[in-house]
Amino acid sequence: MILEYFYVSLILSILLCGLVAGLVFGFAVVVMPGISKLSDRDFLITFKNIDGIIQDNQPAFILVWVGSIAAVILTFILGTLNLNGSVLYLLWLGSFIYIFGVQLPTIRFNIPLNNDIQNLDIVKLDEAELAIFRTNFETPWNFWNRFRTLNVIGVIIVFLFILYLG
């Protein structure tokens, strides 16, 4: 019976991590390249507005993002109690990568950068200040977003492989 719960939580983890992957992938290949063509001021205002929707606790975003963390942790616990051998090690690998390769960079890098923009009075900055702020934001934000995008795609592949082996 507990093994059945494991597979339900694994499928839920795959679904929610897939939605997270779609979000960060969308930012990596559409949103950020699209707004990169804007002036510094327009870029910062646009990103601030996009991020503002997330920071206003948009319910679907919160459900998917926090739900993915909870699902992966639950899957990790149920799998640790029920699996053994290489499948267990794959589960640990995928869970570790999700927490430390997707969520930790989000908390450590992307969210603080987002908060910097939210606290910025963009209208009061001159062109030189805007250019400096944009460079200090855009380059690291994009790096860490690509990093977590690759990691979450890897996690989904690992989790799908576990499901296939099951």
N, C-alpha and C. Protein backbone atom coordinates (compact mmCIF):
# COMPACT_ATOMS: atom_id res chain seq x y z
N MET A 1 0.82 -1.20 0.00
CA MET A 1 0.00 0.00 0.00
C MET A 1 0.86 1.26 0.00
N ILE A 2 1.90 1.29 0.84
CA ILE A 2 2.77 2.46 0.89
C ILE A 2 3.49 2.63 -0.44
N LEU A 3 3.84 1.53 -1.09
CA LEU A 3 4.49 1.60 -2.40
C LEU A 3 3.58 2.27 -3.43
N GLU A 4 2.28 2.03 -3.34
CA GLU A 4 1.33 2.71 -4.23
C GLU A 4 1.35 4.21 -3.99
N TYR A 5 1.42 4.62 -2.74
CA TYR A 5 1.52 6.05 -2.42
C TYR A 5 2.80 6.65 -2.99
N PHE A 6 3.86 5.84 -2.96
CA PHE A 6 5.12 6.31 -3.54
C PHE A 6 4.93 6.64 -5.02
N TYR A 7 4.29 5.74 -5.76
CA TYR A 7 4.11 5.98 -7.20
C TYR A 7 3.18 7.16 -7.47
N VAL A 8 2.18 7.34 -6.65
CA VAL A 8 1.30 8.51 -6.79
C VAL A 8 2.12 9.79 -6.54
N SER A 9 2.94 9.79 -5.50
CA SER A 9 3.75 10.99 -5.21
C SER A 9 4.82 11.19 -6.27
N LEU A 10 5.35 10.11 -6.84
CA LEU A 10 6.33 10.23 -7.92
C LEU A 10 5.70 10.87 -9.15
N ILE A 11 4.50 10.43 -9.50
CA ILE A 11 3.80 11.02 -10.65
C ILE A 11 3.48 12.49 -10.38
N LEU A 12 3.05 12.80 -9.17
CA LEU A 12 2.79 14.19 -8.81
C LEU A 12 4.07 15.01 -8.87
N SER A 13 5.18 14.45 -8.41
CA SER A 13 6.47 15.15 -8.50
C SER A 13 6.85 15.42 -9.94
N ILE A 14 6.65 14.43 -10.80
CA ILE A 14 6.97 14.61 -12.23
C ILE A 14 6.11 15.71 -12.83
N LEU A 15 4.83 15.69 -12.52
CA LEU A 15 3.92 16.72 -13.04
C LEU A 15 4.32 18.11 -12.57
N LEU A 16 4.50 18.27 -11.27
CA LEU A 16 4.80 19.59 -10.72
C LEU A 16 6.20 20.07 -11.13
N CYS A 17 7.17 19.17 -11.12
CA CYS A 17 8.51 19.55 -11.58
C CYS A 17 8.48 19.90 -13.08
N GLY A 18 7.61 19.21 -13.83
CA GLY A 18 7.46 19.54 -15.24
C GLY A 18 6.90 20.95 -15.44
N LEU A 19 5.97 21.33 -14.60
CA LEU A 19 5.43 22.69 -14.67
C LEU A 19 6.49 23.72 -14.26
N VAL A 20 7.26 23.41 -13.24
CA VAL A 20 8.37 24.30 -12.86
C VAL A 20 9.37 24.40 -14.01
N ALA A 21 9.68 23.26 -14.63
CA ALA A 21 10.61 23.27 -15.77
C ALA A 21 10.07 24.16 -16.88
N GLY A 22 8.79 24.05 -17.16
CA GLY A 22 8.19 24.89 -18.20
C GLY A 22 8.31 26.36 -17.88
N LEU A 23 8.11 26.70 -16.62
CA LEU A 23 8.22 28.10 -16.21
C LEU A 23 9.64 28.62 -16.37
N VAL A 24 10.62 27.93 -15.81
CA VAL A 24 11.99 28.44 -15.88
C VAL A 24 12.53 28.35 -17.31
N PHE A 25 12.11 27.32 -18.06
CA PHE A 25 12.50 27.20 -19.46
C PHE A 25 11.91 28.35 -20.27
N GLY A 26 10.64 28.66 -20.02
CA GLY A 26 9.99 29.78 -20.70
C GLY A 26 10.71 31.09 -20.45
N PHE A 27 11.14 31.30 -19.21
CA PHE A 27 11.92 32.50 -18.92
C PHE A 27 13.25 32.47 -19.66
N ALA A 28 13.89 31.29 -19.71
CA ALA A 28 15.21 31.19 -20.32
C ALA A 28 15.18 31.41 -21.83
N VAL A 29 14.15 30.93 -22.51
CA VAL A 29 14.18 30.97 -23.97
C VAL A 29 13.20 31.98 -24.60
N VAL A 30 12.28 32.53 -23.82
CA VAL A 30 11.32 33.47 -24.39
C VAL A 30 11.31 34.81 -23.64
N VAL A 31 11.01 34.76 -22.35
CA VAL A 31 10.80 35.99 -21.59
C VAL A 31 12.07 36.84 -21.54
N MET A 32 13.14 36.28 -21.02
CA MET A 32 14.36 37.08 -20.85
C MET A 32 14.97 37.50 -22.19
N PRO A 33 15.05 36.60 -23.20
CA PRO A 33 15.54 37.08 -24.50
C PRO A 33 14.63 38.17 -25.09
N GLY A 34 13.33 38.03 -24.88
CA GLY A 34 12.40 39.03 -25.40
C GLY A 34 12.57 40.39 -24.76
N ILE A 35 12.62 40.42 -23.44
CA ILE A 35 12.74 41.72 -22.77
C ILE A 35 14.17 42.25 -22.81
N SER A 36 15.13 41.41 -23.18
CA SER A 36 16.52 41.89 -23.28
C SER A 36 16.67 42.94 -24.37
N LYS A 37 15.73 42.98 -25.29
CA LYS A 37 15.79 43.93 -26.40
C LYS A 37 15.28 45.32 -25.99
N LEU A 38 14.73 45.42 -24.79
CA LEU A 38 14.20 46.70 -24.31
C LEU A 38 15.32 47.58 -23.77
N SER A 39 15.03 48.87 -23.65
CA SER A 39 15.97 49.79 -23.00
C SER A 39 16.15 49.35 -21.55
N ASP A 40 17.17 49.86 -20.89
CA ASP A 40 17.43 49.47 -19.50
C ASP A 40 16.22 49.76 -18.61
N ARG A 41 15.67 50.94 -18.74
CA ARG A 41 14.52 51.32 -17.90
C ARG A 41 13.32 50.41 -18.19
N ASP A 42 13.02 50.21 -19.46
CA ASP A 42 11.87 49.38 -19.82
C ASP A 42 12.08 47.92 -19.42
N PHE A 43 13.32 47.43 -19.57
CA PHE A 43 13.64 46.07 -19.13
C PHE A 43 13.34 45.91 -17.64
N LEU A 44 13.86 46.84 -16.83
CA LEU A 44 13.69 46.74 -15.38
C LEU A 44 12.23 46.88 -14.98
N ILE A 45 11.52 47.79 -15.60
CA ILE A 45 10.09 47.96 -15.30
C ILE A 45 9.31 46.70 -15.68
N THR A 46 9.61 46.16 -16.85
CA THR A 46 8.91 44.96 -17.31
C THR A 46 9.18 43.78 -16.38
N PHE A 47 10.45 43.56 -16.05
CA PHE A 47 10.75 42.45 -15.16
C PHE A 47 10.10 42.67 -13.80
N LYS A 48 10.13 43.89 -13.30
CA LYS A 48 9.52 44.19 -12.00
C LYS A 48 8.03 43.86 -12.03
N ASN A 49 7.35 44.16 -13.13
CA ASN A 49 5.92 43.86 -13.23
C ASN A 49 5.67 42.36 -13.31
N ILE A 50 6.48 41.65 -14.10
CA ILE A 50 6.32 40.19 -14.20
C ILE A 50 6.55 39.54 -12.84
N ASP A 51 7.64 39.90 -12.20
CA ASP A 51 7.96 39.33 -10.89
C ASP A 51 6.94 39.75 -9.83
N GLY A 52 6.39 40.94 -9.98
CA GLY A 52 5.38 41.42 -9.03
C GLY A 52 4.17 40.51 -8.97
N ILE A 53 3.80 39.92 -10.10
CA ILE A 53 2.68 38.98 -10.12
C ILE A 53 3.01 37.76 -9.26
N ILE A 54 4.23 37.27 -9.39
CA ILE A 54 4.65 36.12 -8.58
C ILE A 54 4.72 36.50 -7.11
N GLN A 55 5.29 37.66 -6.82
CA GLN A 55 5.47 38.07 -5.43
C GLN A 55 4.15 38.44 -4.75
N ASP A 56 3.12 38.67 -5.54
CA ASP A 56 1.79 38.91 -4.96
C ASP A 56 1.08 37.60 -4.64
N ASN A 57 1.87 36.52 -4.53
CA ASN A 57 1.36 35.20 -4.17
C ASN A 57 0.30 34.69 -5.15
N GLN A 58 0.61 34.77 -6.42
CA GLN A 58 -0.26 34.25 -7.46
C GLN A 58 -0.55 32.78 -7.12
N PRO A 59 -1.82 32.42 -6.90
CA PRO A 59 -2.14 31.09 -6.36
C PRO A 59 -1.65 29.91 -7.20
N ALA A 60 -1.80 29.98 -8.51
CA ALA A 60 -1.36 28.85 -9.34
C ALA A 60 0.15 28.69 -9.26
N PHE A 61 0.87 29.80 -9.26
CA PHE A 61 2.32 29.73 -9.14
C PHE A 61 2.72 29.11 -7.81
N ILE A 62 2.13 29.58 -6.72
CA ILE A 62 2.46 29.08 -5.39
C ILE A 62 2.14 27.58 -5.30
N LEU A 63 0.98 27.19 -5.81
CA LEU A 63 0.59 25.78 -5.78
C LEU A 63 1.62 24.92 -6.50
N VAL A 64 2.05 25.34 -7.67
CA VAL A 64 3.01 24.56 -8.45
C VAL A 64 4.38 24.59 -7.80
N TRP A 65 4.88 25.79 -7.45
CA TRP A 65 6.25 25.90 -6.95
C TRP A 65 6.41 25.21 -5.59
N VAL A 66 5.58 25.58 -4.64
CA VAL A 66 5.67 24.98 -3.30
C VAL A 66 5.21 23.52 -3.34
N GLY A 67 4.20 23.25 -4.16
CA GLY A 67 3.73 21.88 -4.31
C GLY A 67 4.81 20.95 -4.84
N SER A 68 5.66 21.47 -5.74
CA SER A 68 6.74 20.63 -6.28
C SER A 68 7.74 20.27 -5.18
N ILE A 69 8.02 21.21 -4.32
CA ILE A 69 8.95 20.94 -3.21
C ILE A 69 8.35 19.88 -2.29
N ALA A 70 7.09 20.07 -1.91
CA ALA A 70 6.43 19.12 -1.01
C ALA A 70 6.35 17.74 -1.66
N ALA A 71 6.01 17.69 -2.94
CA ALA A 71 5.89 16.40 -3.62
C ALA A 71 7.23 15.68 -3.70
N VAL A 72 8.29 16.41 -3.99
CA VAL A 72 9.61 15.78 -4.08
C VAL A 72 10.04 15.27 -2.70
N ILE A 73 9.80 16.05 -1.66
CA ILE A 73 10.17 15.60 -0.31
C ILE A 73 9.35 14.36 0.08
N LEU A 74 8.05 14.39 -0.20
CA LEU A 74 7.21 13.22 0.10
C LEU A 74 7.68 12.00 -0.69
N THR A 75 7.99 12.20 -1.95
CA THR A 75 8.47 11.09 -2.79
C THR A 75 9.79 10.55 -2.25
N PHE A 76 10.66 11.44 -1.83
CA PHE A 76 11.94 11.04 -1.24
C PHE A 76 11.70 10.17 0.00
N ILE A 77 10.82 10.62 0.88
CA ILE A 77 10.55 9.88 2.13
C ILE A 77 9.93 8.52 1.82
N LEU A 78 8.89 8.51 1.00
CA LEU A 78 8.22 7.24 0.68
C LEU A 78 9.15 6.30 -0.07
N GLY A 79 9.96 6.85 -0.96
CA GLY A 79 10.91 6.02 -1.69
C GLY A 79 11.99 5.45 -0.79
N THR A 80 12.47 6.26 0.14
CA THR A 80 13.49 5.78 1.07
C THR A 80 12.95 4.63 1.92
N LEU A 81 11.67 4.68 2.24
CA LEU A 81 11.05 3.61 3.03
C LEU A 81 10.75 2.36 2.22
N ASN A 82 10.67 2.47 0.89
CA ASN A 82 10.18 1.37 0.08
C ASN A 82 11.12 0.85 -1.00
N LEU A 83 12.09 1.61 -1.37
CA LEU A 83 12.95 1.21 -2.48
C LEU A 83 14.31 0.74 -1.97
N ASN A 84 15.05 0.12 -2.86
CA ASN A 84 16.42 -0.26 -2.52
C ASN A 84 17.24 -0.29 -3.79
N GLY A 85 18.52 -0.44 -3.62
CA GLY A 85 19.43 -0.56 -4.76
C GLY A 85 19.52 0.69 -5.60
N SER A 86 19.75 0.48 -6.89
CA SER A 86 20.01 1.60 -7.79
C SER A 86 18.81 2.53 -7.95
N VAL A 87 17.59 2.00 -7.84
CA VAL A 87 16.41 2.86 -7.95
C VAL A 87 16.37 3.84 -6.79
N LEU A 88 16.72 3.37 -5.60
CA LEU A 88 16.77 4.26 -4.43
C LEU A 88 17.83 5.33 -4.62
N TYR A 89 18.98 4.94 -5.13
CA TYR A 89 20.05 5.92 -5.36
C TYR A 89 19.66 6.96 -6.41
N LEU A 90 18.94 6.51 -7.44
CA LEU A 90 18.45 7.46 -8.44
C LEU A 90 17.45 8.44 -7.82
N LEU A 91 16.58 7.93 -6.95
CA LEU A 91 15.63 8.81 -6.27
C LEU A 91 16.37 9.83 -5.42
N TRP A 92 17.36 9.39 -4.68
CA TRP A 92 18.14 10.32 -3.87
C TRP A 92 18.83 11.36 -4.74
N LEU A 93 19.39 10.92 -5.86
CA LEU A 93 20.07 11.83 -6.78
C LEU A 93 19.10 12.87 -7.32
N GLY A 94 17.95 12.42 -7.83
CA GLY A 94 16.97 13.35 -8.37
C GLY A 94 16.46 14.33 -7.33
N SER A 95 16.18 13.83 -6.14
CA SER A 95 15.68 14.69 -5.06
C SER A 95 16.73 15.71 -4.64
N PHE A 96 17.97 15.25 -4.52
CA PHE A 96 19.08 16.13 -4.15
C PHE A 96 19.26 17.23 -5.19
N ILE A 97 19.23 16.85 -6.46
CA ILE A 97 19.40 17.84 -7.53
C ILE A 97 18.25 18.84 -7.50
N TYR A 98 17.03 18.37 -7.24
CA TYR A 98 15.90 19.30 -7.23
C TYR A 98 16.04 20.32 -6.09
N ILE A 99 16.37 19.84 -4.92
CA ILE A 99 16.47 20.76 -3.78
C ILE A 99 17.69 21.68 -3.91
N PHE A 100 18.84 21.10 -4.25
CA PHE A 100 20.08 21.88 -4.25
C PHE A 100 20.45 22.47 -5.61
N GLY A 101 19.84 21.98 -6.69
CA GLY A 101 20.16 22.49 -8.01
C GLY A 101 19.07 23.35 -8.62
N VAL A 102 17.87 23.33 -8.00
CA VAL A 102 16.77 24.15 -8.49
C VAL A 102 16.31 25.12 -7.40
N GLN A 103 15.93 24.56 -6.25
CA GLN A 103 15.36 25.41 -5.21
C GLN A 103 16.40 26.28 -4.49
N LEU A 104 17.55 25.71 -4.18
CA LEU A 104 18.58 26.50 -3.49
C LEU A 104 19.05 27.68 -4.33
N PRO A 105 19.37 27.50 -5.63
CA PRO A 105 19.74 28.67 -6.42
C PRO A 105 18.61 29.71 -6.51
N THR A 106 17.38 29.23 -6.55
CA THR A 106 16.25 30.16 -6.57
C THR A 106 16.26 31.02 -5.31
N ILE A 107 16.40 30.36 -4.16
CA ILE A 107 16.38 31.07 -2.88
C ILE A 107 17.62 31.94 -2.70
N ARG A 108 18.76 31.40 -3.10
CA ARG A 108 20.04 32.09 -2.84
C ARG A 108 20.34 33.20 -3.84
N PHE A 109 19.91 33.03 -5.10
CA PHE A 109 20.31 33.99 -6.13
C PHE A 109 19.12 34.69 -6.79
N ASN A 110 18.20 33.94 -7.38
CA ASN A 110 17.14 34.57 -8.16
C ASN A 110 16.20 35.43 -7.31
N ILE A 111 15.76 34.92 -6.18
CA ILE A 111 14.83 35.70 -5.35
C ILE A 111 15.48 36.98 -4.82
N PRO A 112 16.72 36.94 -4.29
CA PRO A 112 17.33 38.21 -3.87
C PRO A 112 17.47 39.21 -5.02
N LEU A 113 17.81 38.73 -6.21
CA LEU A 113 17.89 39.64 -7.36
C LEU A 113 16.50 40.22 -7.67
N ASN A 114 15.48 39.37 -7.62
CA ASN A 114 14.11 39.85 -7.84
C ASN A 114 13.73 40.90 -6.80
N ASN A 115 14.08 40.63 -5.54
CA ASN A 115 13.76 41.58 -4.48
C ASN A 115 14.48 42.91 -4.67
N ASP A 116 15.70 42.86 -5.19
CA ASP A 116 16.43 44.11 -5.48
C ASP A 116 15.65 44.96 -6.48
N ILE A 117 15.10 44.32 -7.49
CA ILE A 117 14.31 45.08 -8.47
C ILE A 117 13.01 45.59 -7.84
N GLN A 118 12.37 44.76 -7.02
CA GLN A 118 11.12 45.20 -6.39
C GLN A 118 11.35 46.42 -5.50
N ASN A 119 12.53 46.51 -4.89
CA ASN A 119 12.84 47.64 -3.99
C ASN A 119 13.42 48.85 -4.72
N LEU A 120 13.61 48.72 -6.01
CA LEU A 120 14.25 49.77 -6.80
C LEU A 120 13.22 50.80 -7.27
N ASP A 121 13.55 52.06 -7.09
CA ASP A 121 12.71 53.15 -7.63
C ASP A 121 13.27 53.48 -9.01
N ILE A 122 12.82 52.74 -10.00
CA ILE A 122 13.37 52.80 -11.35
C ILE A 122 13.23 54.19 -11.96
N VAL A 123 12.14 54.85 -11.68
CA VAL A 123 11.87 56.16 -12.27
C VAL A 123 12.92 57.19 -11.86
N LYS A 124 13.47 57.08 -10.67
CA LYS A 124 14.43 58.06 -10.15
C LYS A 124 15.86 57.86 -10.62
N LEU A 125 16.15 56.72 -11.27
CA LEU A 125 17.53 56.44 -11.67
C LEU A 125 17.86 57.08 -13.01
N ASP A 126 19.11 57.55 -13.13
CA ASP A 126 19.54 58.08 -14.43
C ASP A 126 20.00 56.92 -15.31
N GLU A 127 20.32 57.21 -16.55
CA GLU A 127 20.65 56.16 -17.52
C GLU A 127 21.86 55.34 -17.10
N ALA A 128 22.87 55.96 -16.55
CA ALA A 128 24.08 55.23 -16.12
C ALA A 128 23.75 54.28 -14.97
N GLU A 129 22.96 54.74 -14.01
CA GLU A 129 22.56 53.88 -12.88
C GLU A 129 21.70 52.70 -13.36
N LEU A 130 20.82 52.98 -14.31
CA LEU A 130 19.98 51.92 -14.86
C LEU A 130 20.83 50.86 -15.55
N ALA A 131 21.81 51.29 -16.31
CA ALA A 131 22.67 50.34 -17.03
C ALA A 131 23.46 49.47 -16.06
N ILE A 132 23.99 50.07 -15.01
CA ILE A 132 24.75 49.31 -14.01
C ILE A 132 23.84 48.32 -13.30
N PHE A 133 22.69 48.79 -12.88
CA PHE A 133 21.78 47.89 -12.16
C PHE A 133 21.34 46.73 -13.06
N ARG A 134 21.02 47.04 -14.30
CA ARG A 134 20.58 46.00 -15.22
C ARG A 134 21.67 44.94 -15.40
N THR A 135 22.90 45.38 -15.63
CA THR A 135 24.01 44.44 -15.82
C THR A 135 24.20 43.58 -14.58
N ASN A 136 24.14 44.21 -13.41
CA ASN A 136 24.32 43.47 -12.15
C ASN A 136 23.16 42.52 -11.87
N PHE A 137 22.03 42.76 -12.50
CA PHE A 137 20.87 41.89 -12.34
C PHE A 137 20.81 40.82 -13.43
N GLU A 138 20.80 41.26 -14.69
CA GLU A 138 20.47 40.39 -15.81
C GLU A 138 21.45 39.23 -16.00
N THR A 139 22.73 39.50 -15.93
CA THR A 139 23.73 38.45 -16.16
C THR A 139 23.65 37.33 -15.13
N PRO A 140 23.70 37.64 -13.82
CA PRO A 140 23.60 36.53 -12.85
C PRO A 140 22.22 35.88 -12.83
N TRP A 141 21.17 36.67 -13.02
CA TRP A 141 19.82 36.08 -13.00
C TRP A 141 19.68 35.07 -14.11
N ASN A 142 20.13 35.42 -15.31
CA ASN A 142 20.05 34.50 -16.44
C ASN A 142 20.92 33.26 -16.22
N PHE A 143 22.11 33.44 -15.68
CA PHE A 143 22.98 32.30 -15.41
C PHE A 143 22.29 31.30 -14.49
N TRP A 144 21.78 31.79 -13.36
CA TRP A 144 21.16 30.89 -12.38
C TRP A 144 19.85 30.33 -12.89
N ASN A 145 19.13 31.07 -13.73
CA ASN A 145 17.91 30.51 -14.30
C ASN A 145 18.24 29.38 -15.26
N ARG A 146 19.27 29.54 -16.08
CA ARG A 146 19.67 28.45 -16.98
C ARG A 146 20.16 27.25 -16.18
N PHE A 147 20.88 27.51 -15.11
CA PHE A 147 21.38 26.45 -14.23
C PHE A 147 20.22 25.63 -13.68
N ARG A 148 19.22 26.30 -13.13
CA ARG A 148 18.10 25.57 -12.55
C ARG A 148 17.23 24.93 -13.63
N THR A 149 17.17 25.52 -14.82
CA THR A 149 16.42 24.92 -15.92
C THR A 149 17.03 23.58 -16.30
N LEU A 150 18.33 23.54 -16.49
CA LEU A 150 19.00 22.28 -16.83
C LEU A 150 18.82 21.25 -15.73
N ASN A 151 18.92 21.70 -14.49
CA ASN A 151 18.77 20.77 -13.37
C ASN A 151 17.37 20.19 -13.27
N VAL A 152 16.34 21.01 -13.42
CA VAL A 152 14.98 20.48 -13.28
C VAL A 152 14.66 19.54 -14.44
N ILE A 153 15.18 19.81 -15.62
CA ILE A 153 14.98 18.88 -16.73
C ILE A 153 15.65 17.55 -16.41
N GLY A 154 16.86 17.60 -15.84
CA GLY A 154 17.54 16.38 -15.43
C GLY A 154 16.77 15.61 -14.38
N VAL A 155 16.18 16.32 -13.43
CA VAL A 155 15.38 15.68 -12.38
C VAL A 155 14.20 14.95 -12.99
N ILE A 156 13.53 15.58 -13.92
CA ILE A 156 12.37 14.94 -14.56
C ILE A 156 12.80 13.67 -15.29
N ILE A 157 13.93 13.73 -15.97
CA ILE A 157 14.43 12.53 -16.66
C ILE A 157 14.69 11.41 -15.65
N VAL A 158 15.33 11.75 -14.53
CA VAL A 158 15.61 10.74 -13.50
C VAL A 158 14.31 10.17 -12.95
N PHE A 159 13.36 11.03 -12.63
CA PHE A 159 12.08 10.57 -12.07
C PHE A 159 11.30 9.73 -13.07
N LEU A 160 11.33 10.10 -14.35
CA LEU A 160 10.66 9.29 -15.37
C LEU A 160 11.33 7.92 -15.50
N PHE A 161 12.64 7.89 -15.39
CA PHE A 161 13.37 6.63 -15.45
C PHE A 161 12.97 5.73 -14.28
N ILE A 162 12.85 6.32 -13.08
CA ILE A 162 12.40 5.55 -11.91
C ILE A 162 10.99 5.01 -12.15
N LEU A 163 10.11 5.83 -12.69
CA LEU A 163 8.75 5.39 -12.99
C LEU A 163 8.77 4.24 -14.01
N TYR A 164 9.62 4.36 -15.00
CA TYR A 164 9.76 3.31 -16.02
C TYR A 164 10.25 2.00 -15.40
N LEU A 165 11.20 2.10 -14.48
CA LEU A 165 11.74 0.90 -13.85
C LEU A 165 10.75 0.24 -12.89
N GLY A 166 9.80 1.05 -12.39
CA GLY A 166 8.84 0.54 -11.42
C GLY A 166 7.84 -0.36 -12.03
